[in-house]
Amino acid sequence: MTVLRERIALLFCHGGGLNKATWDPIVRRVLASPLLKRFPSDVLGIDWRYHGENHNFHDKGEVYYLDEEKKYPRVNHPCQVWTDWAPKELEQYVKQLRKEDEVLRRKTRVIGIGHSMGAASIMRVEIDTPGSFDGIIGFEPICTGEMDPEISNMIVSTLVTTTLRRKGEWESWDEVKQHFSSSKGFLRWHKESVEAYVKGGIIPCADGKLRLACQPMHEAALYCGRVMDITVEDYQRMSCKMSYEYGDSSQLFNAELTSKIAQQLPDKVFLSPPIKNTTHMLVIEDPEACADRIIKALELFPPFQPQKQTSRL
């Protein structure tokens, strides 16, 4: 097929418990950059199952306890197996992006930009189907984890306990506003990120109540499954470059292990310096810094590199 034009698509995939609108503060800054003026791109985002537009309040899930110990709560719900369904959903979405390419004599170049489970899902799709992406920017993917089982159990138990305590419904928008402006859990979040989260993640329901699109039970279940298991051999199967971004105060990202992978694959995997004063939730804590990292990383990928002119002499 003779390609008449290329289309660049920036595909943003959010982390667990968030929604596609939470990328808005970052997207605005990226689109305003000189790089995106030179390389116009379509910006796309998806809401995972049980998140945002794809909320499901009927499948509630249930709490149980490991070894019947109250200090080890877990949640039984389909969100547990996100490592199975999220990559499948994403793969189908990417295929749809390119569905009309042949008819339009177009080539769609897709850059995957993800956070947490979103980043890990992008990686899994590229590993299983090389060529799906033309570049990957991962903000703390949940993968390549090497952790003592006992420590892992404690971290998961803490995450589940904390998440299940969260409020998931309100009687009015005034209550919503009050909650998100005063709750300690959102003090680190950038103001624009809080507004974006509410815009995409609070659902008005038929009974008059306002509910979190991703209910606390659903989010807690995400932490109860396994992480995405990605090996050095998996990275070698990827046909595109990948840039890692992480927070300097994160407890969920293994920078040392990722650095070793980057050293083994210096032309494919790139580990950026940590973003200061951020945690695993860096994309909603500092959208400006994250946007700057995205702009810088995009220059690694062929779609954002000037075409070399062939001399006719």
C-alpha atoms as a PDB file:
ATOM      1  CA  MET A   1       0.000   0.000   0.000  1.00  0.00           C
ATOM      2  CA  THR A   2       1.266   3.444  -0.930  1.00  0.00           C
ATOM      3  CA  VAL A   3       0.922   5.675   2.119  1.00  0.00           C
ATOM      4  CA  LEU A   4      -0.318   9.159   1.286  1.00  0.00           C
ATOM      5  CA  ARG A   5      -0.198  10.536   4.813  1.00  0.00           C
ATOM      6  CA  GLU A   6       0.670   9.691   8.378  1.00  0.00           C
ATOM      7  CA  ARG A   7      -1.487  10.246  11.418  1.00  0.00           C
ATOM      8  CA  ILE A   8       0.007  10.511  14.904  1.00  0.00           C
ATOM      9  CA  ALA A   9      -2.192   9.443  17.813  1.00  0.00           C
ATOM     10  CA  LEU A  10      -1.298   9.999  21.458  1.00  0.00           C
ATOM     11  CA  LEU A  11      -3.209   7.360  23.416  1.00  0.00           C
ATOM     12  CA  PHE A  12      -3.492   8.086  27.146  1.00  0.00           C
ATOM     13  CA  CYS A  13      -4.305   5.179  29.492  1.00  0.00           C
ATOM     14  CA  HIS A  14      -5.117   6.060  33.104  1.00  0.00           C
ATOM     15  CA  GLY A  15      -4.200   4.239  36.282  1.00  0.00           C
ATOM     16  CA  GLY A  16      -6.480   2.249  38.552  1.00  0.00           C
ATOM     17  CA  GLY A  17      -9.223   4.218  40.285  1.00  0.00           C
ATOM     18  CA  LEU A  18      -8.791   7.252  38.004  1.00  0.00           C
ATOM     19  CA  ASN A  19     -10.423   8.093  34.659  1.00  0.00           C
ATOM     20  CA  LYS A  20      -9.420   9.428  31.263  1.00  0.00           C
ATOM     21  CA  ALA A  21     -10.328  13.021  32.201  1.00  0.00           C
ATOM     22  CA  THR A  22      -7.534  13.074  34.798  1.00  0.00           C
ATOM     23  CA  TRP A  23      -5.089  13.411  31.906  1.00  0.00           C
ATOM     24  CA  ASP A  24      -6.656  16.735  30.829  1.00  0.00           C
ATOM     25  CA  PRO A  25      -4.270  19.040  32.754  1.00  0.00           C
ATOM     26  CA  ILE A  26      -1.319  17.218  31.209  1.00  0.00           C
ATOM     27  CA  VAL A  27      -2.830  17.060  27.727  1.00  0.00           C
ATOM     28  CA  ARG A  28      -3.437  20.825  27.666  1.00  0.00           C
ATOM     29  CA  ARG A  29       0.208  21.486  28.415  1.00  0.00           C
ATOM     30  CA  VAL A  30       1.499  18.936  25.908  1.00  0.00           C
ATOM     31  CA  LEU A  31      -0.671  20.311  23.095  1.00  0.00           C
ATOM     32  CA  ALA A  32       0.573  23.841  23.794  1.00  0.00           C
ATOM     33  CA  SER A  33       4.211  22.825  23.275  1.00  0.00           C
ATOM     34  CA  PRO A  34       6.223  23.850  20.189  1.00  0.00           C
ATOM     35  CA  LEU A  35       6.806  20.145  19.452  1.00  0.00           C
ATOM     36  CA  LEU A  36       3.089  19.464  19.014  1.00  0.00           C
ATOM     37  CA  LYS A  37       2.757  22.558  16.841  1.00  0.00           C
ATOM     38  CA  ARG A  38       5.350  21.024  14.519  1.00  0.00           C
ATOM     39  CA  PHE A  39       3.878  17.529  14.744  1.00  0.00           C
ATOM     40  CA  PRO A  40       0.072  17.833  15.040  1.00  0.00           C
ATOM     41  CA  SER A  41      -1.379  14.797  16.790  1.00  0.00           C
ATOM     42  CA  ASP A  42      -4.738  13.342  17.719  1.00  0.00           C
ATOM     43  CA  VAL A  43      -5.220  12.941  21.471  1.00  0.00           C
ATOM     44  CA  LEU A  44      -7.211   9.910  22.592  1.00  0.00           C
ATOM     45  CA  GLY A  45      -8.060   8.364  25.930  1.00  0.00           C
ATOM     46  CA  ILE A  46      -9.916   5.355  27.231  1.00  0.00           C
ATOM     47  CA  ASP A  47     -11.810   4.600  30.405  1.00  0.00           C
ATOM     48  CA  TRP A  48     -11.056   1.120  31.676  1.00  0.00           C
ATOM     49  CA  ARG A  49     -13.803  -1.267  32.654  1.00  0.00           C
ATOM     50  CA  TYR A  50     -15.404  -0.160  35.956  1.00  0.00           C
ATOM     51  CA  HIS A  51     -13.969   3.346  35.490  1.00  0.00           C
ATOM     52  CA  GLY A  52     -15.308   6.658  34.175  1.00  0.00           C
ATOM     53  CA  GLU A  53     -17.833   6.219  31.371  1.00  0.00           C
ATOM     54  CA  ASN A  54     -17.570   2.442  31.735  1.00  0.00           C
ATOM     55  CA  HIS A  55     -18.718   2.341  35.360  1.00  0.00           C
ATOM     56  CA  ASN A  56     -20.774  -0.584  36.628  1.00  0.00           C
ATOM     57  CA  PHE A  57     -22.559  -0.209  39.947  1.00  0.00           C
ATOM     58  CA  HIS A  58     -24.304  -3.579  39.759  1.00  0.00           C
ATOM     59  CA  ASP A  59     -21.239  -5.799  40.177  1.00  0.00           C
ATOM     60  CA  LYS A  60     -20.329  -4.761  43.708  1.00  0.00           C
ATOM     61  CA  GLY A  61     -17.810  -7.423  44.764  1.00  0.00           C
ATOM     62  CA  GLU A  62     -17.289  -8.852  48.243  1.00  0.00           C
ATOM     63  CA  VAL A  63     -14.707  -8.576  51.001  1.00  0.00           C
ATOM     64  CA  TYR A  64     -12.910 -11.594  52.432  1.00  0.00           C
ATOM     65  CA  TYR A  65      -9.847 -12.070  54.643  1.00  0.00           C
ATOM     66  CA  LEU A  66      -6.651 -14.017  54.041  1.00  0.00           C
ATOM     67  CA  ASP A  67      -6.386 -16.801  56.603  1.00  0.00           C
ATOM     68  CA  GLU A  68      -9.484 -15.241  58.205  1.00  0.00           C
ATOM     69  CA  GLU A  69      -7.260 -12.467  59.562  1.00  0.00           C
ATOM     70  CA  LYS A  70      -9.063  -9.108  59.733  1.00  0.00           C
ATOM     71  CA  LYS A  71      -5.764  -7.312  59.128  1.00  0.00           C
ATOM     72  CA  TYR A  72      -5.483  -8.920  55.671  1.00  0.00           C
ATOM     73  CA  PRO A  73      -8.619  -7.796  53.788  1.00  0.00           C
ATOM     74  CA  ARG A  74      -9.070  -8.682  50.133  1.00  0.00           C
ATOM     75  CA  VAL A  75     -11.836  -8.081  47.583  1.00  0.00           C
ATOM     76  CA  ASN A  76     -13.259 -10.645  45.197  1.00  0.00           C
ATOM     77  CA  HIS A  77     -14.279  -8.822  42.000  1.00  0.00           C
ATOM     78  CA  PRO A  78     -13.385  -8.922  38.257  1.00  0.00           C
ATOM     79  CA  CYS A  79     -11.030  -5.971  38.824  1.00  0.00           C
ATOM     80  CA  GLN A  80      -8.697  -8.483  40.460  1.00  0.00           C
ATOM     81  CA  VAL A  81      -7.779  -9.850  37.047  1.00  0.00           C
ATOM     82  CA  TRP A  82      -7.109  -6.545  35.299  1.00  0.00           C
ATOM     83  CA  THR A  83      -3.871  -8.008  33.944  1.00  0.00           C
ATOM     84  CA  ASP A  84      -6.049 -10.250  31.761  1.00  0.00           C
ATOM     85  CA  TRP A  85      -8.823  -7.966  30.532  1.00  0.00           C
ATOM     86  CA  ALA A  86      -7.125  -4.553  30.350  1.00  0.00           C
ATOM     87  CA  PRO A  87      -4.533  -5.517  27.692  1.00  0.00           C
ATOM     88  CA  LYS A  88      -7.254  -7.236  25.644  1.00  0.00           C
ATOM     89  CA  GLU A  89      -9.448  -4.136  25.729  1.00  0.00           C
ATOM     90  CA  LEU A  90      -6.496  -1.975  24.750  1.00  0.00           C
ATOM     91  CA  GLU A  91      -5.400  -4.232  21.903  1.00  0.00           C
ATOM     92  CA  GLN A  92      -8.871  -4.051  20.356  1.00  0.00           C
ATOM     93  CA  TYR A  93      -8.923  -0.282  20.757  1.00  0.00           C
ATOM     94  CA  VAL A  94      -5.597   0.110  18.955  1.00  0.00           C
ATOM     95  CA  LYS A  95      -6.757  -2.157  16.134  1.00  0.00           C
ATOM     96  CA  GLN A  96      -9.829   0.041  15.696  1.00  0.00           C
ATOM     97  CA  LEU A  97      -7.583   3.101  15.406  1.00  0.00           C
ATOM     98  CA  ARG A  98      -5.951   1.557  12.352  1.00  0.00           C
ATOM     99  CA  LYS A  99      -9.068  -0.076  10.919  1.00  0.00           C
ATOM    100  CA  GLU A 100      -9.492   2.393   8.040  1.00  0.00           C
ATOM    101  CA  ASP A 101      -5.804   2.997   7.340  1.00  0.00           C
ATOM    102  CA  GLU A 102      -5.679   0.836   4.226  1.00  0.00           C
ATOM    103  CA  VAL A 103      -8.780   2.372   2.656  1.00  0.00           C
ATOM    104  CA  LEU A 104      -7.554   5.896   3.434  1.00  0.00           C
ATOM    105  CA  ARG A 105      -3.987   5.011   2.388  1.00  0.00           C
ATOM    106  CA  ARG A 106      -2.905   6.271   5.766  1.00  0.00           C
ATOM    107  CA  LYS A 107      -0.468   5.084   8.412  1.00  0.00           C
ATOM    108  CA  THR A 108      -1.469   5.642  12.032  1.00  0.00           C
ATOM    109  CA  ARG A 109       1.461   5.961  14.411  1.00  0.00           C
ATOM    110  CA  VAL A 110       0.346   5.350  18.003  1.00  0.00           C
ATOM    111  CA  ILE A 111       2.261   6.562  21.046  1.00  0.00           C
ATOM    112  CA  GLY A 112       1.087   4.897  24.252  1.00  0.00           C
ATOM    113  CA  ILE A 113       1.215   7.097  27.349  1.00  0.00           C
ATOM    114  CA  GLY A 114       0.132   5.372  30.527  1.00  0.00           C
ATOM    115  CA  HIS A 115       0.163   5.485  34.292  1.00  0.00           C
ATOM    116  CA  SER A 116       0.283   2.490  36.635  1.00  0.00           C
ATOM    117  CA  MET A 117      -2.029  -0.270  35.295  1.00  0.00           C
ATOM    118  CA  GLY A 118      -2.475   1.786  32.123  1.00  0.00           C
ATOM    119  CA  ALA A 119       1.252   1.841  31.419  1.00  0.00           C
ATOM    120  CA  ALA A 120       1.644  -1.860  32.185  1.00  0.00           C
ATOM    121  CA  SER A 121      -1.234  -2.711  29.845  1.00  0.00           C
ATOM    122  CA  ILE A 122       0.369  -0.728  27.017  1.00  0.00           C
ATOM    123  CA  MET A 123       3.584  -2.660  27.541  1.00  0.00           C
ATOM    124  CA  ARG A 124       1.804  -6.022  27.527  1.00  0.00           C
ATOM    125  CA  VAL A 125       0.052  -5.237  24.230  1.00  0.00           C
ATOM    126  CA  GLU A 126       3.330  -4.234  22.586  1.00  0.00           C
ATOM    127  CA  ILE A 127       5.062  -7.350  23.900  1.00  0.00           C
ATOM    128  CA  ASP A 128       2.322  -9.680  22.689  1.00  0.00           C
ATOM    129  CA  THR A 129       1.786  -7.820  19.399  1.00  0.00           C
ATOM    130  CA  PRO A 130       5.002  -5.967  18.475  1.00  0.00           C
ATOM    131  CA  GLY A 131       4.353  -2.920  16.331  1.00  0.00           C
ATOM    132  CA  SER A 132       1.140  -1.960  18.106  1.00  0.00           C
ATOM    133  CA  PHE A 133       2.885   1.169  19.372  1.00  0.00           C
ATOM    134  CA  ASP A 134       5.509   3.496  17.924  1.00  0.00           C
ATOM    135  CA  GLY A 135       6.675   4.591  21.351  1.00  0.00           C
ATOM    136  CA  ILE A 136       5.718   4.126  25.004  1.00  0.00           C
ATOM    137  CA  ILE A 137       5.905   6.561  27.911  1.00  0.00           C
ATOM    138  CA  GLY A 138       5.261   4.787  31.191  1.00  0.00           C
ATOM    139  CA  PHE A 139       4.594   6.585  34.463  1.00  0.00           C
ATOM    140  CA  GLU A 140       5.346   3.937  37.085  1.00  0.00           C
ATOM    141  CA  PRO A 141       3.961   0.828  35.362  1.00  0.00           C
ATOM    142  CA  ILE A 142       2.843  -1.887  37.771  1.00  0.00           C
ATOM    143  CA  CYS A 143       5.264  -4.530  36.537  1.00  0.00           C
ATOM    144  CA  THR A 144       8.737  -6.030  36.984  1.00  0.00           C
ATOM    145  CA  GLY A 145       8.190  -6.160  40.710  1.00  0.00           C
ATOM    146  CA  GLU A 146      10.587  -8.069  42.943  1.00  0.00           C
ATOM    147  CA  MET A 147       9.331  -7.898  46.516  1.00  0.00           C
ATOM    148  CA  ASP A 148       9.387 -10.061  49.597  1.00  0.00           C
ATOM    149  CA  PRO A 149       5.980 -11.835  49.842  1.00  0.00           C
ATOM    150  CA  GLU A 150       5.479 -10.709  53.432  1.00  0.00           C
ATOM    151  CA  ILE A 151       6.163  -7.071  52.570  1.00  0.00           C
ATOM    152  CA  SER A 152       3.919  -7.352  49.515  1.00  0.00           C
ATOM    153  CA  ASN A 153       1.128  -8.763  51.683  1.00  0.00           C
ATOM    154  CA  MET A 154       1.432  -5.842  54.094  1.00  0.00           C
ATOM    155  CA  ILE A 155       1.407  -3.241  51.313  1.00  0.00           C
ATOM    156  CA  VAL A 156      -1.632  -4.781  49.623  1.00  0.00           C
ATOM    157  CA  SER A 157      -3.465  -5.050  52.938  1.00  0.00           C
ATOM    158  CA  THR A 158      -2.764  -1.388  53.696  1.00  0.00           C
ATOM    159  CA  LEU A 159      -3.903  -0.268  50.237  1.00  0.00           C
ATOM    160  CA  VAL A 160      -7.095  -2.315  50.444  1.00  0.00           C
ATOM    161  CA  THR A 161      -7.909  -1.151  53.972  1.00  0.00           C
ATOM    162  CA  THR A 162      -7.341   2.509  53.107  1.00  0.00           C
ATOM    163  CA  THR A 163      -9.339   2.290  49.882  1.00  0.00           C
ATOM    164  CA  LEU A 164     -12.328   0.554  51.458  1.00  0.00           C
ATOM    165  CA  ARG A 165     -12.603   3.369  54.007  1.00  0.00           C
ATOM    166  CA  ARG A 166     -13.121   5.966  51.288  1.00  0.00           C
ATOM    167  CA  LYS A 167     -16.446   7.610  50.680  1.00  0.00           C
ATOM    168  CA  GLY A 168     -18.051   6.497  47.414  1.00  0.00           C
ATOM    169  CA  GLU A 169     -21.331   8.413  47.215  1.00  0.00           C
ATOM    170  CA  TRP A 170     -22.798  11.807  48.079  1.00  0.00           C
ATOM    171  CA  GLU A 171     -26.189  13.487  48.271  1.00  0.00           C
ATOM    172  CA  SER A 172     -25.275  16.690  46.409  1.00  0.00           C
ATOM    173  CA  TRP A 173     -22.581  18.445  44.395  1.00  0.00           C
ATOM    174  CA  ASP A 174     -21.947  20.675  47.411  1.00  0.00           C
ATOM    175  CA  GLU A 175     -21.028  17.563  49.397  1.00  0.00           C
ATOM    176  CA  VAL A 176     -18.763  16.417  46.566  1.00  0.00           C
ATOM    177  CA  LYS A 177     -17.000  19.781  46.473  1.00  0.00           C
ATOM    178  CA  GLN A 178     -16.574  19.813  50.238  1.00  0.00           C
ATOM    179  CA  HIS A 179     -15.177  16.277  50.264  1.00  0.00           C
ATOM    180  CA  PHE A 180     -12.564  16.799  47.581  1.00  0.00           C
ATOM    181  CA  SER A 181     -11.469  20.167  48.946  1.00  0.00           C
ATOM    182  CA  SER A 182     -10.981  18.956  52.513  1.00  0.00           C
ATOM    183  CA  SER A 183     -10.099  15.246  52.422  1.00  0.00           C
ATOM    184  CA  LYS A 184      -6.489  14.495  53.401  1.00  0.00           C
ATOM    185  CA  GLY A 185      -6.235  11.950  50.596  1.00  0.00           C
ATOM    186  CA  PHE A 186      -6.321  14.709  47.992  1.00  0.00           C
ATOM    187  CA  LEU A 187      -4.026  17.291  49.580  1.00  0.00           C
ATOM    188  CA  ARG A 188      -1.101  16.311  47.337  1.00  0.00           C
ATOM    189  CA  TRP A 189      -3.195  16.467  44.179  1.00  0.00           C
ATOM    190  CA  HIS A 190      -2.914  19.456  41.861  1.00  0.00           C
ATOM    191  CA  LYS A 191      -6.084  21.562  41.864  1.00  0.00           C
ATOM    192  CA  GLU A 192      -6.613  21.023  38.128  1.00  0.00           C
ATOM    193  CA  SER A 193      -6.242  17.275  38.608  1.00  0.00           C
ATOM    194  CA  VAL A 194      -8.908  17.212  41.321  1.00  0.00           C
ATOM    195  CA  GLU A 195     -11.309  19.090  39.042  1.00  0.00           C
ATOM    196  CA  ALA A 196     -10.575  16.715  36.156  1.00  0.00           C
ATOM    197  CA  TYR A 197     -11.020  13.666  38.388  1.00  0.00           C
ATOM    198  CA  VAL A 198     -14.420  14.899  39.553  1.00  0.00           C
ATOM    199  CA  LYS A 199     -15.478  15.741  35.992  1.00  0.00           C
ATOM    200  CA  GLY A 200     -14.774  12.241  34.711  1.00  0.00           C
ATOM    201  CA  GLY A 201     -15.259  10.196  37.846  1.00  0.00           C
ATOM    202  CA  ILE A 202     -18.443  11.364  39.598  1.00  0.00           C
ATOM    203  CA  ILE A 203     -21.640   9.905  38.150  1.00  0.00           C
ATOM    204  CA  PRO A 204     -25.149  11.333  38.775  1.00  0.00           C
ATOM    205  CA  CYS A 205     -27.437   8.331  39.388  1.00  0.00           C
ATOM    206  CA  ALA A 206     -31.162   7.726  38.952  1.00  0.00           C
ATOM    207  CA  ASP A 207     -31.740   7.679  42.719  1.00  0.00           C
ATOM    208  CA  GLY A 208     -30.429  11.241  42.964  1.00  0.00           C
ATOM    209  CA  LYS A 209     -27.101  10.309  44.500  1.00  0.00           C
ATOM    210  CA  LEU A 210     -23.662  11.048  43.085  1.00  0.00           C
ATOM    211  CA  ARG A 211     -21.273   8.111  42.996  1.00  0.00           C
ATOM    212  CA  LEU A 212     -17.636   7.469  42.235  1.00  0.00           C
ATOM    213  CA  ALA A 213     -17.419   5.797  38.842  1.00  0.00           C
ATOM    214  CA  CYS A 214     -14.774   3.459  40.226  1.00  0.00           C
ATOM    215  CA  GLN A 215     -16.238   2.465  43.567  1.00  0.00           C
ATOM    216  CA  PRO A 216     -13.861   1.878  46.521  1.00  0.00           C
ATOM    217  CA  MET A 217     -14.636  -1.847  46.391  1.00  0.00           C
ATOM    218  CA  HIS A 218     -13.628  -1.969  42.714  1.00  0.00           C
ATOM    219  CA  GLU A 219     -10.415  -0.024  43.220  1.00  0.00           C
ATOM    220  CA  ALA A 220      -9.475  -2.163  46.208  1.00  0.00           C
ATOM    221  CA  ALA A 221      -9.920  -5.284  44.078  1.00  0.00           C
ATOM    222  CA  LEU A 222      -7.324  -3.964  41.613  1.00  0.00           C
ATOM    223  CA  TYR A 223      -4.703  -4.279  44.341  1.00  0.00           C
ATOM    224  CA  CYS A 224      -5.673  -7.870  45.123  1.00  0.00           C
ATOM    225  CA  GLY A 225      -4.552  -9.402  41.845  1.00  0.00           C
ATOM    226  CA  ARG A 226      -1.096 -10.014  40.482  1.00  0.00           C
ATOM    227  CA  VAL A 227       1.088  -7.370  38.887  1.00  0.00           C
ATOM    228  CA  MET A 228       2.021  -7.529  35.218  1.00  0.00           C
ATOM    229  CA  ASP A 229       4.974  -9.907  34.991  1.00  0.00           C
ATOM    230  CA  ILE A 230       7.382  -8.460  32.407  1.00  0.00           C
ATOM    231  CA  THR A 231      10.877  -9.863  31.886  1.00  0.00           C
ATOM    232  CA  VAL A 232      13.975  -8.607  30.074  1.00  0.00           C
ATOM    233  CA  GLU A 233      13.109 -11.039  27.282  1.00  0.00           C
ATOM    234  CA  ASP A 234       9.708  -9.364  27.024  1.00  0.00           C
ATOM    235  CA  TYR A 235      11.360  -5.979  26.556  1.00  0.00           C
ATOM    236  CA  GLN A 236      13.452  -7.438  23.759  1.00  0.00           C
ATOM    237  CA  ARG A 237      10.265  -8.402  21.914  1.00  0.00           C
ATOM    238  CA  MET A 238       9.008  -4.818  21.936  1.00  0.00           C
ATOM    239  CA  SER A 239       9.594  -3.126  18.597  1.00  0.00           C
ATOM    240  CA  CYS A 240       9.510   0.437  19.944  1.00  0.00           C
ATOM    241  CA  LYS A 241      11.391   2.527  22.472  1.00  0.00           C
ATOM    242  CA  MET A 242      10.090   3.128  25.972  1.00  0.00           C
ATOM    243  CA  SER A 243      10.701   5.926  28.465  1.00  0.00           C
ATOM    244  CA  TYR A 244      10.130   5.382  32.203  1.00  0.00           C
ATOM    245  CA  GLU A 245       9.053   8.207  34.511  1.00  0.00           C
ATOM    246  CA  TYR A 246       8.700   7.920  38.297  1.00  0.00           C
ATOM    247  CA  GLY A 247       8.278   9.907  41.496  1.00  0.00           C
ATOM    248  CA  ASP A 248      11.135  10.445  43.928  1.00  0.00           C
ATOM    249  CA  SER A 249       8.909   9.546  46.912  1.00  0.00           C
ATOM    250  CA  SER A 250       7.210   6.548  45.339  1.00  0.00           C
ATOM    251  CA  GLN A 251       7.048   3.284  47.252  1.00  0.00           C
ATOM    252  CA  LEU A 252       5.623   1.321  44.328  1.00  0.00           C
ATOM    253  CA  PHE A 253       8.366   1.713  41.724  1.00  0.00           C
ATOM    254  CA  ASN A 254      11.637  -0.211  41.648  1.00  0.00           C
ATOM    255  CA  ALA A 255      14.035   2.296  40.100  1.00  0.00           C
ATOM    256  CA  GLU A 256      17.071   0.096  40.761  1.00  0.00           C
ATOM    257  CA  LEU A 257      15.645  -2.847  38.840  1.00  0.00           C
ATOM    258  CA  THR A 258      14.417  -0.620  36.006  1.00  0.00           C
ATOM    259  CA  SER A 259      17.863   0.971  35.779  1.00  0.00           C
ATOM    260  CA  LYS A 260      19.405  -2.467  35.276  1.00  0.00           C
ATOM    261  CA  ILE A 261      16.968  -3.191  32.452  1.00  0.00           C
ATOM    262  CA  ALA A 262      17.779   0.162  30.843  1.00  0.00           C
ATOM    263  CA  GLN A 263      21.490  -0.656  31.039  1.00  0.00           C
ATOM    264  CA  GLN A 264      20.901  -4.003  29.354  1.00  0.00           C
ATOM    265  CA  LEU A 265      18.794  -2.424  26.597  1.00  0.00           C
ATOM    266  CA  PRO A 266      20.278   1.074  26.191  1.00  0.00           C
ATOM    267  CA  ASP A 267      18.754   1.651  22.747  1.00  0.00           C
ATOM    268  CA  LYS A 268      15.249   0.636  23.778  1.00  0.00           C
ATOM    269  CA  VAL A 269      14.564   1.393  27.460  1.00  0.00           C
ATOM    270  CA  PHE A 270      15.197   4.836  28.945  1.00  0.00           C
ATOM    271  CA  LEU A 271      14.908   5.711  32.645  1.00  0.00           C
ATOM    272  CA  SER A 272      14.452   9.415  33.338  1.00  0.00           C
ATOM    273  CA  PRO A 273      15.508  11.059  36.605  1.00  0.00           C
ATOM    274  CA  PRO A 274      12.772  11.001  39.266  1.00  0.00           C
ATOM    275  CA  ILE A 275      10.200  13.776  39.339  1.00  0.00           C
ATOM    276  CA  LYS A 276      10.772  15.675  42.570  1.00  0.00           C
ATOM    277  CA  ASN A 277       8.218  15.799  45.366  1.00  0.00           C
ATOM    278  CA  THR A 278       5.906  13.212  43.823  1.00  0.00           C
ATOM    279  CA  THR A 279       4.699   9.722  44.681  1.00  0.00           C
ATOM    280  CA  HIS A 280       3.178   6.926  42.597  1.00  0.00           C
ATOM    281  CA  MET A 281       0.354   9.396  41.857  1.00  0.00           C
ATOM    282  CA  LEU A 282       2.747  11.775  40.095  1.00  0.00           C
ATOM    283  CA  VAL A 283       0.500  12.393  37.075  1.00  0.00           C
ATOM    284  CA  ILE A 284      -2.112  14.070  39.264  1.00  0.00           C
ATOM    285  CA  GLU A 285       0.329  15.637  41.715  1.00  0.00           C
ATOM    286  CA  ASP A 286       2.448  17.538  39.192  1.00  0.00           C
ATOM    287  CA  PRO A 287       0.856  17.725  35.729  1.00  0.00           C
ATOM    288  CA  GLU A 288       3.303  20.392  34.598  1.00  0.00           C
ATOM    289  CA  ALA A 289       6.388  18.267  35.287  1.00  0.00           C
ATOM    290  CA  CYS A 290       4.724  15.200  33.762  1.00  0.00           C
ATOM    291  CA  ALA A 291       3.796  17.144  30.630  1.00  0.00           C
ATOM    292  CA  ASP A 292       7.404  18.300  30.294  1.00  0.00           C
ATOM    293  CA  ARG A 293       8.586  14.684  30.575  1.00  0.00           C
ATOM    294  CA  ILE A 294       6.132  13.584  27.888  1.00  0.00           C
ATOM    295  CA  ILE A 295       7.280  16.306  25.507  1.00  0.00           C
ATOM    296  CA  LYS A 296      10.918  15.365  26.064  1.00  0.00           C
ATOM    297  CA  ALA A 297      10.240  11.632  25.650  1.00  0.00           C
ATOM    298  CA  LEU A 298       8.246  12.100  22.437  1.00  0.00           C
ATOM    299  CA  GLU A 299      11.420  13.282  20.733  1.00  0.00           C
ATOM    300  CA  LEU A 300      12.834   9.759  21.173  1.00  0.00           C
ATOM    301  CA  PHE A 301      10.240   8.314  18.825  1.00  0.00           C
ATOM    302  CA  PRO A 302      10.363   8.300  14.988  1.00  0.00           C
ATOM    303  CA  PRO A 303       7.007  10.085  14.448  1.00  0.00           C
ATOM    304  CA  PHE A 304       8.429  13.130  16.233  1.00  0.00           C
ATOM    305  CA  GLN A 305      11.763  13.194  14.468  1.00  0.00           C
ATOM    306  CA  PRO A 306      12.287  15.325  11.347  1.00  0.00           C
ATOM    307  CA  GLN A 307      12.361  13.274   8.170  1.00  0.00           C
ATOM    308  CA  LYS A 308      15.844  13.054   6.723  1.00  0.00           C
ATOM    309  CA  GLN A 309      16.087  14.632   3.310  1.00  0.00           C
ATOM    310  CA  THR A 310      17.618  12.431   0.632  1.00  0.00           C
ATOM    311  CA  SER A 311      20.188  14.231  -1.503  1.00  0.00           C
ATOM    312  CA  ARG A 312      19.530  14.231  -5.258  1.00  0.00           C
ATOM    313  CA  LEU A 313      23.134  15.016  -6.099  1.00  0.00           C
END
